[in-house]
């Protein structure tokens, strides 16, 4: 029976991942501000996706982005396991698997943020945000360390330095976000029953709230840039789709299924 398969380049996946998140943040911000759902200066990213109709777009795009992050993280793991660290992988196995786990949990956090808006379920929303930014920062540090180990010199050194900058800035911004939001809520005394989404200077703690929101945007953009740096490395790889073997109905018994399992790459 003839077999057909096809392959696609995967170098565009990290770039698409970054563009999806970038466009999502920019579009929902502009949309929410234009509808006066959030102040122009300076909402949290999640604030911009709290109310319909922009929340529908925000949630859908983040769910797509979560899948793209998971795919990117997994391809990066396969790159290290099967090619870059083929000889050194036993030494880096635990580190690579830890990075894979953190990346996948971070991707799941994106889905939590998308589906549990802060105005509806704040607890799970915060858990998701911590997965994205906290575990995402840890993921960046591990991958930066691995990058330095596998690219000791040459032009690739620039990628090492750039990823290190993203990791350091992202971690510092994450710490700043946590500290400043804690201080902001200490001074927060809302007037007229307003929610934190519509935080104003009259509510108290507004300066700290603004600093925290800016820090969140910085963390988000450092992670977007970090994933985009995989584009050049992924150019060396293509994804071959597995073959699906179709059995005649009359011969699709257990033995045929067993032979199918042995022959298929699925």
Protein backbone atom coordinates (compact mmCIF):
# COMPACT_ATOMS: atom_id res chain seq x y z
CA UNK A 1 0.00 0.00 0.00
CA UNK A 2 1.56 3.37 -0.96
CA UNK A 3 2.19 5.82 1.85
CA UNK A 4 1.87 9.58 1.64
CA UNK A 5 3.30 12.05 4.09
CA UNK A 6 4.03 15.73 4.13
CA UNK A 7 6.20 18.01 6.16
CA UNK A 8 6.09 21.64 7.21
CA UNK A 9 8.66 24.09 8.48
CA UNK A 10 8.31 24.93 12.17
CA UNK A 11 10.47 28.07 12.24
CA UNK A 12 7.41 30.29 11.93
CA UNK A 13 5.70 28.86 15.03
CA UNK A 14 7.66 30.87 17.66
CA UNK A 15 7.16 34.04 15.63
CA UNK A 16 3.45 33.39 15.22
CA UNK A 17 3.23 32.72 18.96
CA UNK A 18 4.78 36.08 19.73
CA UNK A 19 2.60 37.90 17.20
CA UNK A 20 -0.58 36.31 18.56
CA UNK A 21 0.12 37.59 22.06
CA UNK A 22 1.35 40.97 20.86
CA UNK A 23 -1.71 41.60 18.71
CA UNK A 24 -4.03 40.28 21.42
CA UNK A 25 -2.64 42.70 24.01
CA UNK A 26 -2.64 45.70 21.68
CA UNK A 27 -6.08 45.09 20.14
CA UNK A 28 -7.88 44.38 23.42
CA UNK A 29 -6.24 47.39 25.05
CA UNK A 30 -7.34 49.73 22.25
CA UNK A 31 -10.80 48.12 22.17
CA UNK A 32 -11.37 48.35 25.93
CA UNK A 33 -10.14 51.95 26.11
CA UNK A 34 -12.32 53.00 23.17
CA UNK A 35 -15.39 51.58 24.95
CA UNK A 36 -14.37 53.24 28.24
CA UNK A 37 -14.19 49.87 29.97
CA UNK A 38 -10.71 50.64 31.33
CA UNK A 39 -8.66 53.81 31.77
CA UNK A 40 -6.02 54.53 29.16
CA UNK A 41 -3.34 54.85 31.88
CA UNK A 42 -2.56 52.17 32.88
CA UNK A 43 -4.64 48.96 33.09
CA UNK A 44 -3.45 45.44 33.71
CA UNK A 45 -3.45 43.23 30.64
CA UNK A 46 -6.28 41.18 32.15
CA UNK A 47 -8.32 44.34 32.79
CA UNK A 48 -8.51 44.96 29.05
CA UNK A 49 -10.15 41.57 28.56
CA UNK A 50 -12.62 41.67 31.43
CA UNK A 51 -15.78 42.86 29.71
CA UNK A 52 -17.58 41.90 26.48
CA UNK A 53 -17.25 42.21 23.60
CA UNK A 54 -13.46 42.49 23.83
CA UNK A 55 -13.31 39.75 26.48
CA UNK A 56 -14.57 37.23 23.89
CA UNK A 57 -11.73 38.08 21.53
CA UNK A 58 -9.24 38.16 24.41
CA UNK A 59 -10.21 34.73 25.70
CA UNK A 60 -10.23 33.08 22.28
CA UNK A 61 -6.84 34.47 21.29
CA UNK A 62 -5.27 33.50 24.62
CA UNK A 63 -6.53 29.94 24.22
CA UNK A 64 -4.92 29.82 20.78
CA UNK A 65 -1.76 31.31 22.28
CA UNK A 66 -1.73 28.68 25.04
CA UNK A 67 -1.68 25.91 22.43
CA UNK A 68 1.08 27.67 20.49
CA UNK A 69 3.20 28.04 23.64
CA UNK A 70 2.78 24.35 24.46
CA UNK A 71 3.77 23.39 20.90
CA UNK A 72 6.79 25.71 20.95
CA UNK A 73 7.96 24.43 24.33
CA UNK A 74 7.61 20.81 23.19
CA UNK A 75 9.48 21.38 19.92
CA UNK A 76 12.25 23.09 21.87
CA UNK A 77 12.49 20.03 24.11
CA UNK A 78 12.67 17.72 21.09
CA UNK A 79 15.35 19.93 19.54
CA UNK A 80 17.51 19.60 22.64
CA UNK A 81 16.82 15.90 23.18
CA UNK A 82 17.28 14.62 19.64
CA UNK A 83 19.71 17.02 18.03
CA UNK A 84 21.49 19.73 19.98
CA UNK A 85 22.14 17.72 23.15
CA UNK A 86 22.12 14.25 21.62
CA UNK A 87 25.46 13.36 23.21
CA UNK A 88 25.03 15.49 26.32
CA UNK A 89 21.36 14.79 26.98
CA UNK A 90 21.90 12.37 29.90
CA UNK A 91 23.68 15.19 31.66
CA UNK A 92 20.96 17.73 30.85
CA UNK A 93 17.98 15.35 30.98
CA UNK A 94 16.54 16.54 34.28
CA UNK A 95 17.08 20.19 33.36
CA UNK A 96 15.41 19.81 29.97
CA UNK A 97 12.47 17.93 31.45
CA UNK A 98 12.09 20.52 34.19
CA UNK A 99 12.04 23.23 31.55
CA UNK A 100 9.44 21.29 29.55
CA UNK A 101 7.25 20.89 32.63
CA UNK A 102 7.47 24.57 33.57
CA UNK A 103 6.70 25.63 30.02
CA UNK A 104 3.65 23.39 29.81
CA UNK A 105 2.31 24.59 33.16
CA UNK A 106 2.86 28.18 32.03
CA UNK A 107 0.88 27.44 28.86
CA UNK A 108 -1.93 26.00 30.99
CA UNK A 109 -1.82 29.20 33.04
CA UNK A 110 -2.54 31.19 29.87
CA UNK A 111 -5.66 29.09 29.37
CA UNK A 112 -6.75 29.71 32.97
CA UNK A 113 -6.37 33.46 32.55
CA UNK A 114 -8.33 33.29 29.29
CA UNK A 115 -11.27 31.34 30.71
CA UNK A 116 -11.49 32.71 34.26
CA UNK A 117 -11.66 36.49 33.97
CA UNK A 118 -10.77 38.47 37.05
CA UNK A 119 -14.27 39.94 37.33
CA UNK A 120 -15.79 36.44 37.41
CA UNK A 121 -13.29 34.20 39.22
CA UNK A 122 -10.40 36.19 40.63
CA UNK A 123 -8.76 33.31 42.54
CA UNK A 124 -8.18 31.04 39.55
CA UNK A 125 -7.29 34.04 37.44
CA UNK A 126 -4.48 34.94 39.85
CA UNK A 127 -3.27 31.33 39.91
CA UNK A 128 -3.09 31.39 36.12
CA UNK A 129 -1.22 34.69 36.11
CA UNK A 130 1.35 33.34 38.56
CA UNK A 131 1.82 30.29 36.34
CA UNK A 132 2.43 32.51 33.32
CA UNK A 133 4.76 35.05 34.85
CA UNK A 134 6.38 33.18 37.74
CA UNK A 135 6.95 29.79 36.13
CA UNK A 136 7.52 31.52 32.80
CA UNK A 137 10.42 33.44 34.35
CA UNK A 138 11.88 30.19 35.70
CA UNK A 139 11.50 28.61 32.25
CA UNK A 140 13.42 31.48 30.65
CA UNK A 141 16.29 31.14 33.12
CA UNK A 142 16.67 27.40 32.55
CA UNK A 143 16.56 27.77 28.78
CA UNK A 144 19.07 30.63 28.94
CA UNK A 145 21.45 28.46 30.95
CA UNK A 146 21.11 25.64 28.43
CA UNK A 147 21.66 28.08 25.57
CA UNK A 148 24.95 29.23 27.07
CA UNK A 149 26.07 25.61 27.42
CA UNK A 150 25.34 24.67 23.81
CA UNK A 151 26.43 27.95 22.18
CA UNK A 152 29.76 28.85 23.82
CA UNK A 153 30.85 31.28 21.11
CA UNK A 154 30.30 32.82 17.70
CA UNK A 155 27.25 34.68 16.48
CA UNK A 156 24.96 32.47 18.58
CA UNK A 157 26.41 34.19 21.62
CA UNK A 158 24.18 37.14 20.82
CA UNK A 159 21.14 34.94 21.32
CA UNK A 160 22.53 33.86 24.68
CA UNK A 161 22.96 37.46 25.80
CA UNK A 162 19.55 38.50 24.51
CA UNK A 163 17.83 35.63 26.32
CA UNK A 164 19.71 36.51 29.48
CA UNK A 165 18.51 40.11 29.24
CA UNK A 166 14.92 38.90 28.76
CA UNK A 167 15.27 36.56 31.76
CA UNK A 168 16.72 39.20 34.08
CA UNK A 169 14.30 41.94 33.06
CA UNK A 170 11.37 39.53 33.23
CA UNK A 171 12.25 38.33 36.73
CA UNK A 172 12.84 41.85 38.07
CA UNK A 173 9.57 43.04 36.55
CA UNK A 174 7.73 40.04 38.02
CA UNK A 175 9.07 40.81 41.50
CA UNK A 176 8.18 44.48 41.03
CA UNK A 177 4.66 43.51 39.97
CA UNK A 178 4.10 41.37 43.07
CA UNK A 179 5.50 43.94 45.51
CA UNK A 180 3.74 46.97 44.04
CA UNK A 181 0.36 45.28 43.73
CA UNK A 182 0.54 44.28 47.40
CA UNK A 183 1.26 47.88 48.39
CA UNK A 184 -1.42 49.19 46.03
CA UNK A 185 -4.14 47.03 47.59
CA UNK A 186 -3.03 48.12 51.04
CA UNK A 187 -3.93 51.71 50.17
CA UNK A 188 -6.89 50.88 47.92
CA UNK A 189 -10.13 52.43 49.18
CA UNK A 190 -12.61 52.37 46.27
CA UNK A 191 -15.24 55.06 45.97
CA UNK A 192 -18.78 54.53 44.69
CA UNK A 193 -18.36 50.74 44.64
CA UNK A 194 -15.91 50.77 41.74
CA UNK A 195 -13.97 47.62 40.96
CA UNK A 196 -10.15 47.55 40.64
CA UNK A 197 -10.59 47.40 36.86
CA UNK A 198 -11.60 51.08 36.99
CA UNK A 199 -8.97 52.12 39.52
CA UNK A 200 -8.57 55.91 39.71
CA UNK A 201 -6.24 58.21 41.68
CA UNK A 202 -9.13 59.00 44.03
CA UNK A 203 -9.28 55.36 45.17
CA UNK A 204 -5.84 55.42 46.78
CA UNK A 205 -2.74 53.45 45.91
CA UNK A 206 -3.10 54.43 42.26
CA UNK A 207 0.61 55.13 41.75
CA UNK A 208 1.51 51.68 43.05
CA UNK A 209 -1.22 50.14 40.93
CA UNK A 210 0.18 51.86 37.84
CA UNK A 211 3.70 50.66 38.64
CA UNK A 212 2.39 47.11 39.04
CA UNK A 213 0.49 47.24 35.74
CA UNK A 214 3.55 48.54 33.89
CA UNK A 215 5.62 45.75 35.44
CA UNK A 216 3.09 43.19 34.22
CA UNK A 217 3.29 44.50 30.66
CA UNK A 218 7.09 44.34 30.82
CA UNK A 219 7.03 40.71 32.00
CA UNK A 220 4.60 39.79 29.24
CA UNK A 221 6.67 41.39 26.50
CA UNK A 222 9.93 39.86 27.70
CA UNK A 223 8.34 36.40 27.48
CA UNK A 224 6.97 37.21 24.01
CA UNK A 225 10.44 38.25 22.85
CA UNK A 226 12.02 35.20 24.45
CA UNK A 227 9.82 32.75 22.57
CA UNK A 228 10.40 34.64 19.33
CA UNK A 229 14.15 33.96 19.63
CA UNK A 230 13.52 30.28 18.85
CA UNK A 231 12.70 31.23 15.26
CA UNK A 232 16.27 31.07 13.97
CA UNK A 233 17.05 27.74 15.65
CA UNK A 234 13.84 26.13 14.42
CA UNK A 235 14.77 26.91 10.80
CA UNK A 236 16.91 23.77 10.78
CA UNK A 237 13.93 21.51 11.42
CA UNK A 238 10.82 20.34 9.65
CA UNK A 239 7.88 18.43 11.06
CA UNK A 240 7.06 15.20 9.23
CA UNK A 241 3.46 14.22 9.75
CA UNK A 242 2.93 10.54 10.63
CA UNK A 243 1.31 8.15 8.18
CA UNK A 244 -2.21 6.83 8.72
CA UNK A 245 -2.76 3.31 7.36
CA UNK A 246 -6.29 2.44 6.27
CA UNK A 247 -7.28 -1.23 6.71
CA UNK A 248 -10.08 -2.95 4.80
CA UNK A 249 -13.16 -3.46 6.93
CA UNK A 250 -13.05 -7.24 6.57
CA UNK A 251 -9.47 -7.46 7.89
CA UNK A 252 -9.63 -4.96 10.71
CA UNK A 253 -9.28 -7.53 13.50
CA UNK A 254 -6.95 -7.46 16.48
CA UNK A 255 -3.99 -8.85 14.55
CA UNK A 256 -4.35 -6.16 11.90
CA UNK A 257 -4.52 -3.49 14.57
CA UNK A 258 -1.37 -4.88 16.15
CA UNK A 259 0.43 -4.76 12.80
CA UNK A 260 -0.86 -1.23 12.30
CA UNK A 261 0.58 -0.17 15.64
CA UNK A 262 3.96 -1.63 14.72
CA UNK A 263 4.08 0.08 11.33
CA UNK A 264 2.60 3.43 12.22
CA UNK A 265 4.69 6.22 13.68
CA UNK A 266 1.77 7.54 15.71
